[in-house]
């Protein structure tokens, strides 16, 4: 079977041949800026938005890989052209981009070290969320806090995610399969692990935590755009885990699955414990905008035969 191709430091290689140096700062320190995109019908979704966020993250850490926006776009689109054809009709890809500062000086004497740049793809892992479109996601509040902005800016998208790992392990001990809900030092809700959180209250509409306190989620922005088109009020403010528990609906947004309902918090049902009508309206519009029935696609490719 033909192997997927990956871009690594100026070359296209079989993905299995890509190897990051053991002395790379991304490995030694976890100093890695990353973006994750997905395709719909073989087309990358909101590519410019992802690249703008990537470029901003690189500026924040002071790393310049020497690639223009046009060059980034060309590489991203070529990765899809090379690899989407290997999938069955109707299937889609995840595209990962990551950049590190390159060789870390404590492990390497090379004074001319250059940033490490990689783009690689994988078939989307639909099995991880296919059933959750109908059954919903479970969340659990954990004692692991979100990284405060005094450590790094909230708008920096990076792979230094030990707190997600620890929080999700704690959540799974509370309820098998649950995802962590992370709070700030004052106890306000910020994000779930690898996803933005939105609650819906009939008297207020969709509520997000203050956008200045969370990662600028691209799927969150798309969901708010859809809500505005549907005349659903959207706002941002602090809210507590107790307000999540009492919400009419709770939603997660993230690139791979786009939109999921949350039906349980800390082992207890939210509302009637089933996905609600606002979620279904938003999901229907996601389907229209992307040209893909997200639920049917996920169910179809939850199990792949190699």
C-alpha atoms as a PDB file:
ATOM      1  CA  UNK A   1       0.000   0.000   0.000  1.00  0.00           C
ATOM      2  CA  UNK A   2       1.291   3.458  -0.904  1.00  0.00           C
ATOM      3  CA  UNK A   3       2.435   5.463   2.108  1.00  0.00           C
ATOM      4  CA  UNK A   4       1.399   8.997   3.019  1.00  0.00           C
ATOM      5  CA  UNK A   5       3.980  11.749   2.459  1.00  0.00           C
ATOM      6  CA  UNK A   6       5.136  14.322   4.998  1.00  0.00           C
ATOM      7  CA  UNK A   7       7.081  17.562   4.624  1.00  0.00           C
ATOM      8  CA  UNK A   8      10.107  17.775   6.907  1.00  0.00           C
ATOM      9  CA  UNK A   9      12.669  20.577   6.759  1.00  0.00           C
ATOM     10  CA  UNK A  10      12.480  21.201   3.040  1.00  0.00           C
ATOM     11  CA  UNK A  11      11.820  17.678   1.779  1.00  0.00           C
ATOM     12  CA  UNK A  12       8.843  15.442   1.100  1.00  0.00           C
ATOM     13  CA  UNK A  13       9.381  12.014   2.647  1.00  0.00           C
ATOM     14  CA  UNK A  14       7.375   8.889   3.400  1.00  0.00           C
ATOM     15  CA  UNK A  15       5.807   9.691   6.768  1.00  0.00           C
ATOM     16  CA  UNK A  16       7.503   6.700   8.406  1.00  0.00           C
ATOM     17  CA  UNK A  17      10.919   8.184   7.596  1.00  0.00           C
ATOM     18  CA  UNK A  18      10.361  11.477   9.435  1.00  0.00           C
ATOM     19  CA  UNK A  19      12.424  11.566  12.626  1.00  0.00           C
ATOM     20  CA  UNK A  20      12.815  14.552  14.948  1.00  0.00           C
ATOM     21  CA  UNK A  21      16.265  14.813  16.506  1.00  0.00           C
ATOM     22  CA  UNK A  22      16.574  13.829  20.164  1.00  0.00           C
ATOM     23  CA  UNK A  23      18.306  17.166  20.747  1.00  0.00           C
ATOM     24  CA  UNK A  24      15.482  19.204  19.176  1.00  0.00           C
ATOM     25  CA  UNK A  25      14.008  21.812  21.539  1.00  0.00           C
ATOM     26  CA  UNK A  26      10.553  20.521  20.689  1.00  0.00           C
ATOM     27  CA  UNK A  27      11.529  17.187  22.197  1.00  0.00           C
ATOM     28  CA  UNK A  28      13.807  18.432  24.979  1.00  0.00           C
ATOM     29  CA  UNK A  29      11.601  21.287  26.211  1.00  0.00           C
ATOM     30  CA  UNK A  30       8.251  20.716  24.534  1.00  0.00           C
ATOM     31  CA  UNK A  31       8.830  24.044  22.751  1.00  0.00           C
ATOM     32  CA  UNK A  32       6.553  23.341  19.800  1.00  0.00           C
ATOM     33  CA  UNK A  33       4.080  25.625  18.047  1.00  0.00           C
ATOM     34  CA  UNK A  34       1.412  23.638  16.258  1.00  0.00           C
ATOM     35  CA  UNK A  35      -1.761  23.884  14.233  1.00  0.00           C
ATOM     36  CA  UNK A  36      -4.260  21.188  13.363  1.00  0.00           C
ATOM     37  CA  UNK A  37      -6.603  21.488  10.404  1.00  0.00           C
ATOM     38  CA  UNK A  38      -9.046  19.155   8.735  1.00  0.00           C
ATOM     39  CA  UNK A  39     -10.464  18.701   5.274  1.00  0.00           C
ATOM     40  CA  UNK A  40     -14.062  18.509   4.131  1.00  0.00           C
ATOM     41  CA  UNK A  41     -14.400  16.719   0.835  1.00  0.00           C
ATOM     42  CA  UNK A  42     -10.631  16.976   0.450  1.00  0.00           C
ATOM     43  CA  UNK A  43     -10.513  20.755   0.985  1.00  0.00           C
ATOM     44  CA  UNK A  44      -8.827  22.415   3.948  1.00  0.00           C
ATOM     45  CA  UNK A  45     -11.209  24.378   6.143  1.00  0.00           C
ATOM     46  CA  UNK A  46     -10.386  28.003   7.086  1.00  0.00           C
ATOM     47  CA  UNK A  47      -6.750  27.567   6.106  1.00  0.00           C
ATOM     48  CA  UNK A  48      -5.948  31.276   6.283  1.00  0.00           C
ATOM     49  CA  UNK A  49      -7.302  31.513   9.829  1.00  0.00           C
ATOM     50  CA  UNK A  50      -5.158  28.610  10.976  1.00  0.00           C
ATOM     51  CA  UNK A  51      -2.081  30.040   9.296  1.00  0.00           C
ATOM     52  CA  UNK A  52      -2.685  33.464  10.822  1.00  0.00           C
ATOM     53  CA  UNK A  53      -2.827  31.844  14.268  1.00  0.00           C
ATOM     54  CA  UNK A  54       0.326  29.846  13.515  1.00  0.00           C
ATOM     55  CA  UNK A  55       2.199  32.959  12.421  1.00  0.00           C
ATOM     56  CA  UNK A  56       1.067  34.819  15.541  1.00  0.00           C
ATOM     57  CA  UNK A  57       2.230  31.950  17.757  1.00  0.00           C
ATOM     58  CA  UNK A  58       5.632  31.939  16.035  1.00  0.00           C
ATOM     59  CA  UNK A  59       5.929  35.684  16.592  1.00  0.00           C
ATOM     60  CA  UNK A  60       5.116  35.219  20.280  1.00  0.00           C
ATOM     61  CA  UNK A  61       7.979  32.741  20.749  1.00  0.00           C
ATOM     62  CA  UNK A  62      10.388  34.597  18.465  1.00  0.00           C
ATOM     63  CA  UNK A  63      10.916  31.809  15.915  1.00  0.00           C
ATOM     64  CA  UNK A  64      11.001  32.542  12.176  1.00  0.00           C
ATOM     65  CA  UNK A  65      11.042  29.475   9.894  1.00  0.00           C
ATOM     66  CA  UNK A  66      11.421  31.750   6.850  1.00  0.00           C
ATOM     67  CA  UNK A  67       8.152  30.780   5.150  1.00  0.00           C
ATOM     68  CA  UNK A  68       5.701  33.303   3.732  1.00  0.00           C
ATOM     69  CA  UNK A  69       1.919  32.877   3.981  1.00  0.00           C
ATOM     70  CA  UNK A  70       1.894  31.861   0.320  1.00  0.00           C
ATOM     71  CA  UNK A  71       4.551  29.219   0.961  1.00  0.00           C
ATOM     72  CA  UNK A  72       2.701  27.856   3.989  1.00  0.00           C
ATOM     73  CA  UNK A  73      -0.487  27.608   1.953  1.00  0.00           C
ATOM     74  CA  UNK A  74       1.319  25.859  -0.867  1.00  0.00           C
ATOM     75  CA  UNK A  75       2.808  23.266   1.502  1.00  0.00           C
ATOM     76  CA  UNK A  76      -0.508  22.655   3.263  1.00  0.00           C
ATOM     77  CA  UNK A  77      -2.392  22.217   0.010  1.00  0.00           C
ATOM     78  CA  UNK A  78       0.314  19.977  -1.444  1.00  0.00           C
ATOM     79  CA  UNK A  79       0.165  17.736   1.620  1.00  0.00           C
ATOM     80  CA  UNK A  80      -3.551  17.266   0.974  1.00  0.00           C
ATOM     81  CA  UNK A  81      -3.067  16.664  -2.759  1.00  0.00           C
ATOM     82  CA  UNK A  82      -0.418  14.028  -2.039  1.00  0.00           C
ATOM     83  CA  UNK A  83      -2.364  12.200   0.658  1.00  0.00           C
ATOM     84  CA  UNK A  84      -6.110  12.666   0.266  1.00  0.00           C
ATOM     85  CA  UNK A  85      -6.097  10.493  -2.856  1.00  0.00           C
ATOM     86  CA  UNK A  86      -5.027   7.554  -0.647  1.00  0.00           C
ATOM     87  CA  UNK A  87      -8.364   7.643   1.183  1.00  0.00           C
ATOM     88  CA  UNK A  88     -11.676   6.078   0.245  1.00  0.00           C
ATOM     89  CA  UNK A  89     -14.223   8.427  -1.362  1.00  0.00           C
ATOM     90  CA  UNK A  90     -15.982  10.475   1.302  1.00  0.00           C
ATOM     91  CA  UNK A  91     -13.184  10.182   3.863  1.00  0.00           C
ATOM     92  CA  UNK A  92     -11.161  13.146   5.135  1.00  0.00           C
ATOM     93  CA  UNK A  93      -7.786  14.079   6.593  1.00  0.00           C
ATOM     94  CA  UNK A  94      -6.298  15.786   9.599  1.00  0.00           C
ATOM     95  CA  UNK A  95      -3.352  18.019   8.708  1.00  0.00           C
ATOM     96  CA  UNK A  96      -0.840  18.780  11.468  1.00  0.00           C
ATOM     97  CA  UNK A  97       1.756  21.546  11.194  1.00  0.00           C
ATOM     98  CA  UNK A  98       4.427  22.015  13.809  1.00  0.00           C
ATOM     99  CA  UNK A  99       7.463  24.229  14.231  1.00  0.00           C
ATOM    100  CA  UNK A 100      10.180  24.067  16.889  1.00  0.00           C
ATOM    101  CA  UNK A 101      13.214  26.310  17.488  1.00  0.00           C
ATOM    102  CA  UNK A 102      15.410  23.453  16.261  1.00  0.00           C
ATOM    103  CA  UNK A 103      18.416  21.936  18.038  1.00  0.00           C
ATOM    104  CA  UNK A 104      18.654  22.918  21.694  1.00  0.00           C
ATOM    105  CA  UNK A 105      22.072  24.385  22.556  1.00  0.00           C
ATOM    106  CA  UNK A 106      22.355  22.370  25.778  1.00  0.00           C
ATOM    107  CA  UNK A 107      22.366  19.203  23.681  1.00  0.00           C
ATOM    108  CA  UNK A 108      24.012  20.349  20.471  1.00  0.00           C
ATOM    109  CA  UNK A 109      27.012  22.559  19.652  1.00  0.00           C
ATOM    110  CA  UNK A 110      25.623  23.538  16.245  1.00  0.00           C
ATOM    111  CA  UNK A 111      25.400  27.331  16.475  1.00  0.00           C
ATOM    112  CA  UNK A 112      23.587  27.600  13.143  1.00  0.00           C
ATOM    113  CA  UNK A 113      20.589  25.491  14.191  1.00  0.00           C
ATOM    114  CA  UNK A 114      17.471  26.331  12.202  1.00  0.00           C
ATOM    115  CA  UNK A 115      13.813  25.827  13.125  1.00  0.00           C
ATOM    116  CA  UNK A 116      12.306  22.423  12.548  1.00  0.00           C
ATOM    117  CA  UNK A 117       9.250  22.495  10.266  1.00  0.00           C
ATOM    118  CA  UNK A 118       6.943  19.560   9.622  1.00  0.00           C
ATOM    119  CA  UNK A 119       3.563  19.021   7.941  1.00  0.00           C
ATOM    120  CA  UNK A 120       1.950  15.584   8.051  1.00  0.00           C
ATOM    121  CA  UNK A 121      -1.505  14.089   7.631  1.00  0.00           C
ATOM    122  CA  UNK A 122      -3.554  11.249   9.086  1.00  0.00           C
ATOM    123  CA  UNK A 123      -7.035   9.955   8.390  1.00  0.00           C
ATOM    124  CA  UNK A 124      -9.397  11.535  10.906  1.00  0.00           C
ATOM    125  CA  UNK A 125      -9.965   9.287  13.932  1.00  0.00           C
ATOM    126  CA  UNK A 126     -13.752   9.329  13.702  1.00  0.00           C
ATOM    127  CA  UNK A 127     -14.086   6.387  16.103  1.00  0.00           C
ATOM    128  CA  UNK A 128     -13.134   8.728  18.956  1.00  0.00           C
ATOM    129  CA  UNK A 129     -16.277  10.855  18.589  1.00  0.00           C
ATOM    130  CA  UNK A 130     -18.693   9.231  16.105  1.00  0.00           C
ATOM    131  CA  UNK A 131     -21.163   8.065  18.774  1.00  0.00           C
ATOM    132  CA  UNK A 132     -20.917  11.289  20.762  1.00  0.00           C
ATOM    133  CA  UNK A 133     -22.865  13.316  18.185  1.00  0.00           C
ATOM    134  CA  UNK A 134     -25.926  11.449  19.493  1.00  0.00           C
ATOM    135  CA  UNK A 135     -24.988  10.398  23.035  1.00  0.00           C
ATOM    136  CA  UNK A 136     -22.993  13.494  24.001  1.00  0.00           C
ATOM    137  CA  UNK A 137     -19.671  14.067  25.724  1.00  0.00           C
ATOM    138  CA  UNK A 138     -19.057  13.773  29.475  1.00  0.00           C
ATOM    139  CA  UNK A 139     -17.025  16.417  31.313  1.00  0.00           C
ATOM    140  CA  UNK A 140     -15.519  16.406  34.790  1.00  0.00           C
ATOM    141  CA  UNK A 141     -14.088  19.288  36.798  1.00  0.00           C
ATOM    142  CA  UNK A 142     -10.560  18.507  37.943  1.00  0.00           C
ATOM    143  CA  UNK A 143      -8.095  20.173  40.317  1.00  0.00           C
ATOM    144  CA  UNK A 144      -5.699  20.700  37.391  1.00  0.00           C
ATOM    145  CA  UNK A 145      -5.952  24.348  36.326  1.00  0.00           C
ATOM    146  CA  UNK A 146      -5.526  25.783  32.862  1.00  0.00           C
ATOM    147  CA  UNK A 147      -2.067  27.273  32.330  1.00  0.00           C
ATOM    148  CA  UNK A 148      -2.289  30.934  33.435  1.00  0.00           C
ATOM    149  CA  UNK A 149      -1.323  33.734  31.022  1.00  0.00           C
ATOM    150  CA  UNK A 150       1.644  34.545  33.270  1.00  0.00           C
ATOM    151  CA  UNK A 151       3.207  31.326  31.944  1.00  0.00           C
ATOM    152  CA  UNK A 152       2.416  31.877  28.278  1.00  0.00           C
ATOM    153  CA  UNK A 153      -0.150  33.946  26.351  1.00  0.00           C
ATOM    154  CA  UNK A 154      -3.585  32.390  25.975  1.00  0.00           C
ATOM    155  CA  UNK A 155      -3.448  32.934  22.202  1.00  0.00           C
ATOM    156  CA  UNK A 156      -0.293  30.808  21.864  1.00  0.00           C
ATOM    157  CA  UNK A 157      -1.195  27.395  20.412  1.00  0.00           C
ATOM    158  CA  UNK A 158       1.511  24.983  21.463  1.00  0.00           C
ATOM    159  CA  UNK A 159       2.075  21.355  22.344  1.00  0.00           C
ATOM    160  CA  UNK A 160       3.191  21.890  25.924  1.00  0.00           C
ATOM    161  CA  UNK A 161       0.133  20.043  27.235  1.00  0.00           C
ATOM    162  CA  UNK A 162       1.095  18.054  30.310  1.00  0.00           C
ATOM    163  CA  UNK A 163      -1.787  19.748  32.148  1.00  0.00           C
ATOM    164  CA  UNK A 164      -4.271  18.283  29.636  1.00  0.00           C
ATOM    165  CA  UNK A 165      -2.789  14.827  30.141  1.00  0.00           C
ATOM    166  CA  UNK A 166      -3.007  15.052  33.928  1.00  0.00           C
ATOM    167  CA  UNK A 167      -6.471  16.621  33.899  1.00  0.00           C
ATOM    168  CA  UNK A 168      -7.917  13.989  31.553  1.00  0.00           C
ATOM    169  CA  UNK A 169      -6.487  11.183  33.696  1.00  0.00           C
ATOM    170  CA  UNK A 170      -8.176  12.726  36.712  1.00  0.00           C
ATOM    171  CA  UNK A 171     -11.467  13.115  34.787  1.00  0.00           C
ATOM    172  CA  UNK A 172     -11.358   9.481  33.659  1.00  0.00           C
ATOM    173  CA  UNK A 173     -11.006   8.360  37.273  1.00  0.00           C
ATOM    174  CA  UNK A 174     -14.203  10.249  38.075  1.00  0.00           C
ATOM    175  CA  UNK A 175     -16.093   8.853  35.084  1.00  0.00           C
ATOM    176  CA  UNK A 176     -14.570   6.530  32.468  1.00  0.00           C
ATOM    177  CA  UNK A 177     -14.347   8.320  29.128  1.00  0.00           C
ATOM    178  CA  UNK A 178     -14.928  11.805  30.573  1.00  0.00           C
ATOM    179  CA  UNK A 179     -12.942  14.784  29.334  1.00  0.00           C
ATOM    180  CA  UNK A 180     -11.506  17.393  31.693  1.00  0.00           C
ATOM    181  CA  UNK A 181     -13.139  20.776  32.250  1.00  0.00           C
ATOM    182  CA  UNK A 182     -10.384  23.235  33.187  1.00  0.00           C
ATOM    183  CA  UNK A 183     -10.863  26.283  35.391  1.00  0.00           C
ATOM    184  CA  UNK A 184      -8.726  29.300  36.181  1.00  0.00           C
ATOM    185  CA  UNK A 185      -7.321  30.178  39.601  1.00  0.00           C
ATOM    186  CA  UNK A 186     -10.569  31.961  40.537  1.00  0.00           C
ATOM    187  CA  UNK A 187     -12.714  28.942  39.619  1.00  0.00           C
ATOM    188  CA  UNK A 188     -14.163  30.258  36.354  1.00  0.00           C
ATOM    189  CA  UNK A 189     -14.582  27.865  33.414  1.00  0.00           C
ATOM    190  CA  UNK A 190     -12.027  28.286  30.623  1.00  0.00           C
ATOM    191  CA  UNK A 191     -11.792  25.268  28.306  1.00  0.00           C
ATOM    192  CA  UNK A 192     -12.075  21.529  28.055  1.00  0.00           C
ATOM    193  CA  UNK A 193      -8.952  19.611  27.158  1.00  0.00           C
ATOM    194  CA  UNK A 194      -8.285  20.414  23.457  1.00  0.00           C
ATOM    195  CA  UNK A 195     -11.705  22.029  22.984  1.00  0.00           C
ATOM    196  CA  UNK A 196     -13.569  25.272  23.598  1.00  0.00           C
ATOM    197  CA  UNK A 197     -16.660  25.200  25.844  1.00  0.00           C
ATOM    198  CA  UNK A 198     -19.915  27.043  25.154  1.00  0.00           C
ATOM    199  CA  UNK A 199     -23.101  26.975  27.216  1.00  0.00           C
ATOM    200  CA  UNK A 200     -26.607  27.870  26.073  1.00  0.00           C
ATOM    201  CA  UNK A 201     -29.140  29.568  28.350  1.00  0.00           C
ATOM    202  CA  UNK A 202     -32.560  30.398  26.973  1.00  0.00           C
ATOM    203  CA  UNK A 203     -32.517  33.898  28.452  1.00  0.00           C
ATOM    204  CA  UNK A 204     -28.968  34.711  27.264  1.00  0.00           C
ATOM    205  CA  UNK A 205     -28.167  32.608  24.195  1.00  0.00           C
ATOM    206  CA  UNK A 206     -24.728  31.139  23.615  1.00  0.00           C
ATOM    207  CA  UNK A 207     -22.090  32.045  26.199  1.00  0.00           C
ATOM    208  CA  UNK A 208     -18.346  31.658  25.843  1.00  0.00           C
ATOM    209  CA  UNK A 209     -15.748  32.407  28.500  1.00  0.00           C
ATOM    210  CA  UNK A 210     -14.152  35.813  27.787  1.00  0.00           C
ATOM    211  CA  UNK A 211     -12.259  35.433  24.517  1.00  0.00           C
ATOM    212  CA  UNK A 212      -9.229  37.167  26.010  1.00  0.00           C
ATOM    213  CA  UNK A 213      -8.890  34.325  28.510  1.00  0.00           C
ATOM    214  CA  UNK A 214      -9.008  31.355  26.122  1.00  0.00           C
ATOM    215  CA  UNK A 215      -7.340  30.074  22.987  1.00  0.00           C
ATOM    216  CA  UNK A 216      -8.852  31.711  19.909  1.00  0.00           C
ATOM    217  CA  UNK A 217     -10.734  28.667  18.655  1.00  0.00           C
ATOM    218  CA  UNK A 218     -11.413  28.639  14.935  1.00  0.00           C
ATOM    219  CA  UNK A 219     -14.295  26.178  15.253  1.00  0.00           C
ATOM    220  CA  UNK A 220     -15.661  28.375  18.051  1.00  0.00           C
ATOM    221  CA  UNK A 221     -15.568  31.371  15.707  1.00  0.00           C
ATOM    222  CA  UNK A 222     -17.377  29.350  13.033  1.00  0.00           C
ATOM    223  CA  UNK A 223     -20.028  28.265  15.524  1.00  0.00           C
ATOM    224  CA  UNK A 224     -20.616  31.855  16.627  1.00  0.00           C
ATOM    225  CA  UNK A 225     -20.875  32.895  12.977  1.00  0.00           C
ATOM    226  CA  UNK A 226     -23.485  30.198  12.420  1.00  0.00           C
ATOM    227  CA  UNK A 227     -25.364  31.245  15.554  1.00  0.00           C
ATOM    228  CA  UNK A 228     -25.469  34.860  14.393  1.00  0.00           C
ATOM    229  CA  UNK A 229     -26.912  33.738  11.061  1.00  0.00           C
ATOM    230  CA  UNK A 230     -29.550  31.747  12.950  1.00  0.00           C
ATOM    231  CA  UNK A 231     -30.353  34.808  15.092  1.00  0.00           C
ATOM    232  CA  UNK A 232     -29.081  33.137  18.267  1.00  0.00           C
ATOM    233  CA  UNK A 233     -27.617  35.659  20.701  1.00  0.00           C
ATOM    234  CA  UNK A 234     -23.884  35.213  21.378  1.00  0.00           C
ATOM    235  CA  UNK A 235     -21.905  36.769  24.190  1.00  0.00           C
ATOM    236  CA  UNK A 236     -18.869  36.199  26.402  1.00  0.00           C
ATOM    237  CA  UNK A 237     -18.528  36.370  30.158  1.00  0.00           C
ATOM    238  CA  UNK A 238     -17.184  34.435  33.111  1.00  0.00           C
ATOM    239  CA  UNK A 239     -19.291  31.483  34.203  1.00  0.00           C
ATOM    240  CA  UNK A 240     -18.889  28.817  36.844  1.00  0.00           C
ATOM    241  CA  UNK A 241     -19.057  25.004  36.760  1.00  0.00           C
ATOM    242  CA  UNK A 242     -22.409  25.349  38.551  1.00  0.00           C
ATOM    243  CA  UNK A 243     -23.727  27.352  35.594  1.00  0.00           C
ATOM    244  CA  UNK A 244     -22.493  24.645  33.247  1.00  0.00           C
ATOM    245  CA  UNK A 245     -24.404  22.066  35.272  1.00  0.00           C
ATOM    246  CA  UNK A 246     -27.560  24.217  35.173  1.00  0.00           C
ATOM    247  CA  UNK A 247     -27.326  25.195  31.488  1.00  0.00           C
ATOM    248  CA  UNK A 248     -30.011  24.297  28.979  1.00  0.00           C
ATOM    249  CA  UNK A 249     -27.305  22.974  26.654  1.00  0.00           C
ATOM    250  CA  UNK A 250     -23.509  22.684  26.673  1.00  0.00           C
ATOM    251  CA  UNK A 251     -21.343  22.387  23.573  1.00  0.00           C
ATOM    252  CA  UNK A 252     -17.732  21.669  22.685  1.00  0.00           C
ATOM    253  CA  UNK A 253     -16.055  23.021  19.554  1.00  0.00           C
ATOM    254  CA  UNK A 254     -12.797  21.753  18.066  1.00  0.00           C
ATOM    255  CA  UNK A 255     -11.300  21.199  14.632  1.00  0.00           C
ATOM    256  CA  UNK A 256     -11.608  17.405  14.273  1.00  0.00           C
ATOM    257  CA  UNK A 257     -15.265  16.984  15.303  1.00  0.00           C
ATOM    258  CA  UNK A 258     -16.414  20.617  14.824  1.00  0.00           C
ATOM    259  CA  UNK A 259     -19.291  20.509  17.322  1.00  0.00           C
ATOM    260  CA  UNK A 260     -20.330  18.067  20.046  1.00  0.00           C
ATOM    261  CA  UNK A 261     -23.029  18.196  22.710  1.00  0.00           C
ATOM    262  CA  UNK A 262     -22.092  17.764  26.371  1.00  0.00           C
ATOM    263  CA  UNK A 263     -24.716  15.744  28.237  1.00  0.00           C
ATOM    264  CA  UNK A 264     -23.002  15.005  31.568  1.00  0.00           C
ATOM    265  CA  UNK A 265     -20.935  16.912  34.103  1.00  0.00           C
ATOM    266  CA  UNK A 266     -19.307  15.235  37.082  1.00  0.00           C
ATOM    267  CA  UNK A 267     -21.413  12.131  36.565  1.00  0.00           C
ATOM    268  CA  UNK A 268     -24.759  13.979  36.461  1.00  0.00           C
ATOM    269  CA  UNK A 269     -26.929  14.724  33.415  1.00  0.00           C
ATOM    270  CA  UNK A 270     -27.142  18.231  31.998  1.00  0.00           C
ATOM    271  CA  UNK A 271     -30.798  19.156  31.384  1.00  0.00           C
ATOM    272  CA  UNK A 272     -32.450  15.890  30.280  1.00  0.00           C
ATOM    273  CA  UNK A 273     -29.113  14.250  29.460  1.00  0.00           C
ATOM    274  CA  UNK A 274     -29.670  14.353  25.686  1.00  0.00           C
ATOM    275  CA  UNK A 275     -28.403  16.591  22.872  1.00  0.00           C
ATOM    276  CA  UNK A 276     -30.639  19.644  22.600  1.00  0.00           C
ATOM    277  CA  UNK A 277     -32.384  21.514  19.779  1.00  0.00           C
ATOM    278  CA  UNK A 278     -29.875  24.384  19.584  1.00  0.00           C
ATOM    279  CA  UNK A 279     -27.048  21.892  19.084  1.00  0.00           C
ATOM    280  CA  UNK A 280     -29.005  20.207  16.305  1.00  0.00           C
ATOM    281  CA  UNK A 281     -29.691  23.513  14.542  1.00  0.00           C
ATOM    282  CA  UNK A 282     -26.024  24.482  14.728  1.00  0.00           C
ATOM    283  CA  UNK A 283     -24.894  21.039  13.530  1.00  0.00           C
ATOM    284  CA  UNK A 284     -27.251  21.186  10.561  1.00  0.00           C
ATOM    285  CA  UNK A 285     -25.701  24.483   9.509  1.00  0.00           C
ATOM    286  CA  UNK A 286     -22.183  23.085  10.004  1.00  0.00           C
ATOM    287  CA  UNK A 287     -23.184  20.346   7.560  1.00  0.00           C
ATOM    288  CA  UNK A 288     -24.459  22.888   5.043  1.00  0.00           C
ATOM    289  CA  UNK A 289     -21.383  25.105   5.233  1.00  0.00           C
ATOM    290  CA  UNK A 290     -18.892  22.251   4.925  1.00  0.00           C
ATOM    291  CA  UNK A 291     -20.841  20.193   2.407  1.00  0.00           C
ATOM    292  CA  UNK A 292     -20.439  17.121   4.627  1.00  0.00           C
ATOM    293  CA  UNK A 293     -22.923  15.310   6.862  1.00  0.00           C
ATOM    294  CA  UNK A 294     -20.649  15.145   9.900  1.00  0.00           C
ATOM    295  CA  UNK A 295     -22.562  12.409  11.687  1.00  0.00           C
ATOM    296  CA  UNK A 296     -22.922  10.119   8.675  1.00  0.00           C
ATOM    297  CA  UNK A 297     -19.267  10.567   7.718  1.00  0.00           C
ATOM    298  CA  UNK A 298     -18.080   9.793  11.238  1.00  0.00           C
ATOM    299  CA  UNK A 299     -20.295   6.711  11.479  1.00  0.00           C
ATOM    300  CA  UNK A 300     -19.162   5.477   8.073  1.00  0.00           C
ATOM    301  CA  UNK A 301     -15.436   5.797   8.743  1.00  0.00           C
ATOM    302  CA  UNK A 302     -15.377   5.029  12.461  1.00  0.00           C
ATOM    303  CA  UNK A 303     -13.988   1.654  11.414  1.00  0.00           C
ATOM    304  CA  UNK A 304     -11.588   1.502   8.478  1.00  0.00           C
ATOM    305  CA  UNK A 305     -10.401  -1.629   6.718  1.00  0.00           C
ATOM    306  CA  UNK A 306      -6.760  -1.231   5.627  1.00  0.00           C
END
